[in-house]
Amino acid sequence: MDEQEEQEWQDASDWDDEDYDEFLQREFPDSASGNRNGLPSHWKWTAWVLLFLAAAFWILSL
């Protein structure tokens, strides 16, 4: 860790939300978009529907 990074870590308690957002955009440019887990919304809905159907079939089979 160089001196600049060490100073950034020491000053981290003084960061506000904008500083943190800038840090994330600089260090992780691929994840700077609003979609944090990488799945498009239709796949999220598909996963929830499949989970609901599996739970419903499990409950009905008891």
PDB file of N, CA and C in Angstrom:
ATOM      1  N   MET A   1       0.855  -1.166   0.000  1.00  0.00           N
ATOM      2  CA  MET A   1       0.000   0.000   0.000  1.00  0.00           C
ATOM      3  C   MET A   1       0.906   1.236   0.000  1.00  0.00           C
ATOM      4  N   ASP A   2       0.689   2.095  -0.955  1.00  0.00           N
ATOM      5  CA  ASP A   2       1.528   3.290  -1.010  1.00  0.00           C
ATOM      6  C   ASP A   2       0.986   4.370  -0.072  1.00  0.00           C
ATOM      7  N   GLU A   3       1.713   5.464   0.012  1.00  0.00           N
ATOM      8  CA  GLU A   3       1.355   6.517   0.972  1.00  0.00           C
ATOM      9  C   GLU A   3       0.000   7.146   0.670  1.00  0.00           C
ATOM     10  N   GLN A   4      -0.311   7.291  -0.619  1.00  0.00           N
ATOM     11  CA  GLN A   4      -1.598   7.901  -0.978  1.00  0.00           C
ATOM     12  C   GLN A   4      -2.762   7.024  -0.524  1.00  0.00           C
ATOM     13  N   GLU A   5      -2.660   5.715  -0.768  1.00  0.00           N
ATOM     14  CA  GLU A   5      -3.728   4.811  -0.340  1.00  0.00           C
ATOM     15  C   GLU A   5      -3.844   4.780   1.182  1.00  0.00           C
ATOM     16  N   GLU A   6      -2.700   4.804   1.855  1.00  0.00           N
ATOM     17  CA  GLU A   6      -2.728   4.805   3.312  1.00  0.00           C
ATOM     18  C   GLU A   6      -3.406   6.067   3.842  1.00  0.00           C
ATOM     19  N   GLN A   7      -3.112   7.204   3.220  1.00  0.00           N
ATOM     20  CA  GLN A   7      -3.751   8.455   3.628  1.00  0.00           C
ATOM     21  C   GLN A   7      -5.256   8.404   3.364  1.00  0.00           C
ATOM     22  N   GLU A   8      -5.660   7.785   2.233  1.00  0.00           N
ATOM     23  CA  GLU A   8      -7.087   7.647   1.937  1.00  0.00           C
ATOM     24  C   GLU A   8      -7.785   6.806   2.998  1.00  0.00           C
ATOM     25  N   TRP A   9      -7.127   5.731   3.449  1.00  0.00           N
ATOM     26  CA  TRP A   9      -7.728   4.892   4.479  1.00  0.00           C
ATOM     27  C   TRP A   9      -7.849   5.650   5.797  1.00  0.00           C
ATOM     28  N   GLN A  10      -6.852   6.463   6.118  1.00  0.00           N
ATOM     29  CA  GLN A  10      -6.908   7.228   7.365  1.00  0.00           C
ATOM     30  C   GLN A  10      -7.991   8.295   7.308  1.00  0.00           C
ATOM     31  N   ASP A  11      -8.209   8.850   6.131  1.00  0.00           N
ATOM     32  CA  ASP A  11      -9.215   9.893   5.971  1.00  0.00           C
ATOM     33  C   ASP A  11     -10.607   9.337   5.672  1.00  0.00           C
ATOM     34  N   ALA A  12     -10.746   8.024   5.664  1.00  0.00           N
ATOM     35  CA  ALA A  12     -12.016   7.407   5.267  1.00  0.00           C
ATOM     36  C   ALA A  12     -13.162   7.804   6.191  1.00  0.00           C
ATOM     37  N   SER A  13     -12.863   8.078   7.434  1.00  0.00           N
ATOM     38  CA  SER A  13     -13.940   8.453   8.354  1.00  0.00           C
ATOM     39  C   SER A  13     -14.513   9.825   8.023  1.00  0.00           C
ATOM     40  N   ASP A  14     -13.771  10.617   7.264  1.00  0.00           N
ATOM     41  CA  ASP A  14     -14.239  11.950   6.885  1.00  0.00           C
ATOM     42  C   ASP A  14     -15.003  11.955   5.569  1.00  0.00           C
ATOM     43  N   TRP A  15     -15.133  10.797   4.937  1.00  0.00           N
ATOM     44  CA  TRP A  15     -15.778  10.725   3.627  1.00  0.00           C
ATOM     45  C   TRP A  15     -17.273  10.951   3.771  1.00  0.00           C
ATOM     46  N   ASP A  16     -17.843  11.617   2.772  1.00  0.00           N
ATOM     47  CA  ASP A  16     -19.292  11.696   2.690  1.00  0.00           C
ATOM     48  C   ASP A  16     -19.748  10.768   1.562  1.00  0.00           C
ATOM     49  N   ASP A  17     -21.026  10.770   1.270  1.00  0.00           N
ATOM     50  CA  ASP A  17     -21.558   9.853   0.260  1.00  0.00           C
ATOM     51  C   ASP A  17     -20.964  10.097  -1.119  1.00  0.00           C
ATOM     52  N   GLU A  18     -20.736  11.352  -1.480  1.00  0.00           N
ATOM     53  CA  GLU A  18     -20.169  11.653  -2.797  1.00  0.00           C
ATOM     54  C   GLU A  18     -18.751  11.121  -2.917  1.00  0.00           C
ATOM     55  N   ASP A  19     -17.952  11.257  -1.862  1.00  0.00           N
ATOM     56  CA  ASP A  19     -16.591  10.727  -1.897  1.00  0.00           C
ATOM     57  C   ASP A  19     -16.613   9.212  -2.074  1.00  0.00           C
ATOM     58  N   TYR A  20     -17.512   8.554  -1.360  1.00  0.00           N
ATOM     59  CA  TYR A  20     -17.598   7.103  -1.449  1.00  0.00           C
ATOM     60  C   TYR A  20     -18.039   6.673  -2.848  1.00  0.00           C
ATOM     61  N   ASP A  21     -19.011   7.377  -3.434  1.00  0.00           N
ATOM     62  CA  ASP A  21     -19.459   7.061  -4.790  1.00  0.00           C
ATOM     63  C   ASP A  21     -18.334   7.251  -5.800  1.00  0.00           C
ATOM     64  N   GLU A  22     -17.566   8.324  -5.648  1.00  0.00           N
ATOM     65  CA  GLU A  22     -16.431   8.552  -6.549  1.00  0.00           C
ATOM     66  C   GLU A  22     -15.399   7.447  -6.411  1.00  0.00           C
ATOM     67  N   PHE A  23     -15.137   7.011  -5.182  1.00  0.00           N
ATOM     68  CA  PHE A  23     -14.187   5.923  -4.956  1.00  0.00           C
ATOM     69  C   PHE A  23     -14.663   4.641  -5.634  1.00  0.00           C
ATOM     70  N   LEU A  24     -15.942   4.316  -5.469  1.00  0.00           N
ATOM     71  CA  LEU A  24     -16.470   3.103  -6.096  1.00  0.00           C
ATOM     72  C   LEU A  24     -16.398   3.173  -7.612  1.00  0.00           C
ATOM     73  N   GLN A  25     -16.715   4.328  -8.179  1.00  0.00           N
ATOM     74  CA  GLN A  25     -16.654   4.475  -9.633  1.00  0.00           C
ATOM     75  C   GLN A  25     -15.224   4.370 -10.137  1.00  0.00           C
ATOM     76  N   ARG A  26     -14.277   4.876  -9.362  1.00  0.00           N
ATOM     77  CA  ARG A  26     -12.880   4.827  -9.777  1.00  0.00           C
ATOM     78  C   ARG A  26     -12.302   3.416  -9.638  1.00  0.00           C
ATOM     79  N   GLU A  27     -12.601   2.744  -8.528  1.00  0.00           N
ATOM     80  CA  GLU A  27     -12.008   1.440  -8.261  1.00  0.00           C
ATOM     81  C   GLU A  27     -12.750   0.287  -8.939  1.00  0.00           C
ATOM     82  N   PHE A  28     -14.058   0.441  -9.121  1.00  0.00           N
ATOM     83  CA  PHE A  28     -14.874  -0.627  -9.701  1.00  0.00           C
ATOM     84  C   PHE A  28     -15.746  -0.063 -10.814  1.00  0.00           C
ATOM     85  N   PRO A  29     -15.152   0.288 -11.947  1.00  0.00           N
ATOM     86  CA  PRO A  29     -15.931   0.944 -13.006  1.00  0.00           C
ATOM     87  C   PRO A  29     -17.027   0.057 -13.597  1.00  0.00           C
ATOM     88  N   ASP A  30     -16.837  -1.255 -13.602  1.00  0.00           N
ATOM     89  CA  ASP A  30     -17.842  -2.146 -14.185  1.00  0.00           C
ATOM     90  C   ASP A  30     -19.099  -2.228 -13.332  1.00  0.00           C
ATOM     91  N   SER A  31     -18.970  -2.009 -12.033  1.00  0.00           N
ATOM     92  CA  SER A  31     -20.129  -2.124 -11.151  1.00  0.00           C
ATOM     93  C   SER A  31     -20.727  -0.773 -10.801  1.00  0.00           C
ATOM     94  N   ALA A  32     -20.348   0.255 -11.522  1.00  0.00           N
ATOM     95  CA  ALA A  32     -20.844   1.596 -11.200  1.00  0.00           C
ATOM     96  C   ALA A  32     -22.281   1.803 -11.647  1.00  0.00           C
ATOM     97  N   SER A  33     -22.785   0.922 -12.488  1.00  0.00           N
ATOM     98  CA  SER A  33     -24.170   1.071 -12.935  1.00  0.00           C
ATOM     99  C   SER A  33     -25.119   0.718 -11.800  1.00  0.00           C
ATOM    100  N   GLY A  34     -26.393   1.039 -11.980  1.00  0.00           N
ATOM    101  CA  GLY A  34     -27.376   0.786 -10.943  1.00  0.00           C
ATOM    102  C   GLY A  34     -27.678  -0.681 -10.729  1.00  0.00           C
ATOM    103  N   ASN A  35     -27.370  -1.525 -11.694  1.00  0.00           N
ATOM    104  CA  ASN A  35     -27.658  -2.943 -11.601  1.00  0.00           C
ATOM    105  C   ASN A  35     -26.508  -3.637 -10.883  1.00  0.00           C
ATOM    106  N   ARG A  36     -26.591  -3.778  -9.577  1.00  0.00           N
ATOM    107  CA  ARG A  36     -25.453  -4.223  -8.783  1.00  0.00           C
ATOM    108  C   ARG A  36     -25.216  -5.729  -8.840  1.00  0.00           C
ATOM    109  N   ASN A  37     -26.230  -6.530  -9.015  1.00  0.00           N
ATOM    110  CA  ASN A  37     -25.983  -7.963  -9.001  1.00  0.00           C
ATOM    111  C   ASN A  37     -25.853  -8.554 -10.398  1.00  0.00           C
ATOM    112  N   GLY A  38     -25.938  -7.747 -11.434  1.00  0.00           N
ATOM    113  CA  GLY A  38     -25.637  -8.204 -12.774  1.00  0.00           C
ATOM    114  C   GLY A  38     -26.781  -8.855 -13.527  1.00  0.00           C
ATOM    115  N   LEU A  39     -27.934  -9.070 -12.920  1.00  0.00           N
ATOM    116  CA  LEU A  39     -29.046  -9.712 -13.613  1.00  0.00           C
ATOM    117  C   LEU A  39     -30.036  -8.670 -14.115  1.00  0.00           C
ATOM    118  N   PRO A  40     -30.487  -8.827 -15.357  1.00  0.00           N
ATOM    119  CA  PRO A  40     -31.559  -7.943 -15.834  1.00  0.00           C
ATOM    120  C   PRO A  40     -32.841  -8.198 -15.042  1.00  0.00           C
ATOM    121  N   SER A  41     -33.729  -7.234 -15.041  1.00  0.00           N
ATOM    122  CA  SER A  41     -34.921  -7.328 -14.194  1.00  0.00           C
ATOM    123  C   SER A  41     -35.825  -8.499 -14.567  1.00  0.00           C
ATOM    124  N   HIS A  42     -35.905  -8.858 -15.861  1.00  0.00           N
ATOM    125  CA  HIS A  42     -36.798  -9.970 -16.208  1.00  0.00           C
ATOM    126  C   HIS A  42     -36.285 -11.295 -15.643  1.00  0.00           C
ATOM    127  N   TRP A  43     -34.970 -11.450 -15.479  1.00  0.00           N
ATOM    128  CA  TRP A  43     -34.445 -12.670 -14.863  1.00  0.00           C
ATOM    129  C   TRP A  43     -34.715 -12.684 -13.365  1.00  0.00           C
ATOM    130  N   LYS A  44     -34.704 -11.518 -12.743  1.00  0.00           N
ATOM    131  CA  LYS A  44     -35.042 -11.453 -11.318  1.00  0.00           C
ATOM    132  C   LYS A  44     -36.490 -11.878 -11.103  1.00  0.00           C
ATOM    133  N   TRP A  45     -37.398 -11.358 -11.950  1.00  0.00           N
ATOM    134  CA  TRP A  45     -38.809 -11.736 -11.826  1.00  0.00           C
ATOM    135  C   TRP A  45     -39.000 -13.215 -12.113  1.00  0.00           C
ATOM    136  N   THR A  46     -38.286 -13.738 -13.100  1.00  0.00           N
ATOM    137  CA  THR A  46     -38.378 -15.162 -13.414  1.00  0.00           C
ATOM    138  C   THR A  46     -37.937 -16.001 -12.221  1.00  0.00           C
ATOM    139  N   ALA A  47     -36.860 -15.605 -11.581  1.00  0.00           N
ATOM    140  CA  ALA A  47     -36.370 -16.347 -10.418  1.00  0.00           C
ATOM    141  C   ALA A  47     -37.384 -16.312  -9.277  1.00  0.00           C
ATOM    142  N   TRP A  48     -37.991 -15.147  -9.024  1.00  0.00           N
ATOM    143  CA  TRP A  48     -38.990 -15.045  -7.958  1.00  0.00           C
ATOM    144  C   TRP A  48     -40.218 -15.897  -8.265  1.00  0.00           C
ATOM    145  N   VAL A  49     -40.669 -15.899  -9.518  1.00  0.00           N
ATOM    146  CA  VAL A  49     -41.839 -16.699  -9.904  1.00  0.00           C
ATOM    147  C   VAL A  49     -41.533 -18.181  -9.744  1.00  0.00           C
ATOM    148  N   LEU A  50     -40.361 -18.612 -10.188  1.00  0.00           N
ATOM    149  CA  LEU A  50     -39.993 -20.023 -10.036  1.00  0.00           C
ATOM    150  C   LEU A  50     -39.878 -20.414  -8.567  1.00  0.00           C
ATOM    151  N   LEU A  51     -39.336 -19.537  -7.753  1.00  0.00           N
ATOM    152  CA  LEU A  51     -39.247 -19.816  -6.324  1.00  0.00           C
ATOM    153  C   LEU A  51     -40.640 -19.933  -5.708  1.00  0.00           C
ATOM    154  N   PHE A  52     -41.538 -19.030  -6.094  1.00  0.00           N
ATOM    155  CA  PHE A  52     -42.911 -19.082  -5.590  1.00  0.00           C
ATOM    156  C   PHE A  52     -43.600 -20.377  -6.023  1.00  0.00           C
ATOM    157  N   LEU A  53     -43.449 -20.758  -7.291  1.00  0.00           N
ATOM    158  CA  LEU A  53     -44.079 -21.991  -7.775  1.00  0.00           C
ATOM    159  C   LEU A  53     -43.530 -23.213  -7.054  1.00  0.00           C
ATOM    160  N   ALA A  54     -42.228 -23.252  -6.847  1.00  0.00           N
ATOM    161  CA  ALA A  54     -41.629 -24.380  -6.133  1.00  0.00           C
ATOM    162  C   ALA A  54     -42.159 -24.452  -4.704  1.00  0.00           C
ATOM    163  N   ALA A  55     -42.268 -23.311  -4.041  1.00  0.00           N
ATOM    164  CA  ALA A  55     -42.795 -23.292  -2.673  1.00  0.00           C
ATOM    165  C   ALA A  55     -44.261 -23.710  -2.654  1.00  0.00           C
ATOM    166  N   ALA A  56     -45.040 -23.255  -3.626  1.00  0.00           N
ATOM    167  CA  ALA A  56     -46.457 -23.615  -3.682  1.00  0.00           C
ATOM    168  C   ALA A  56     -46.628 -25.114  -3.910  1.00  0.00           C
ATOM    169  N   PHE A  57     -45.866 -25.693  -4.833  1.00  0.00           N
ATOM    170  CA  PHE A  57     -45.962 -27.136  -5.070  1.00  0.00           C
ATOM    171  C   PHE A  57     -45.523 -27.922  -3.841  1.00  0.00           C
ATOM    172  N   TRP A  58     -44.507 -27.439  -3.151  1.00  0.00           N
ATOM    173  CA  TRP A  58     -44.042 -28.130  -1.951  1.00  0.00           C
ATOM    174  C   TRP A  58     -45.117 -28.104  -0.864  1.00  0.00           C
ATOM    175  N   ILE A  59     -45.745 -26.941  -0.684  1.00  0.00           N
ATOM    176  CA  ILE A  59     -46.793 -26.823   0.336  1.00  0.00           C
ATOM    177  C   ILE A  59     -47.999 -27.686  -0.024  1.00  0.00           C
ATOM    178  N   LEU A  60     -48.382 -27.703  -1.295  1.00  0.00           N
ATOM    179  CA  LEU A  60     -49.539 -28.499  -1.714  1.00  0.00           C
ATOM    180  C   LEU A  60     -49.269 -29.997  -1.652  1.00  0.00           C
ATOM    181  N   SER A  61     -48.010 -30.395  -1.700  1.00  0.00           N
ATOM    182  CA  SER A  61     -47.699 -31.824  -1.674  1.00  0.00           C
ATOM    183  C   SER A  61     -47.643 -32.384  -0.253  1.00  0.00           C
ATOM    184  N   LEU A  62     -47.742 -31.531   0.749  1.00  0.00           N
ATOM    185  CA  LEU A  62     -47.691 -32.018   2.141  1.00  0.00           C
ATOM    186  C   LEU A  62     -48.956 -32.723   2.546  1.00  0.00           C
TER     187      LEU A  62
END
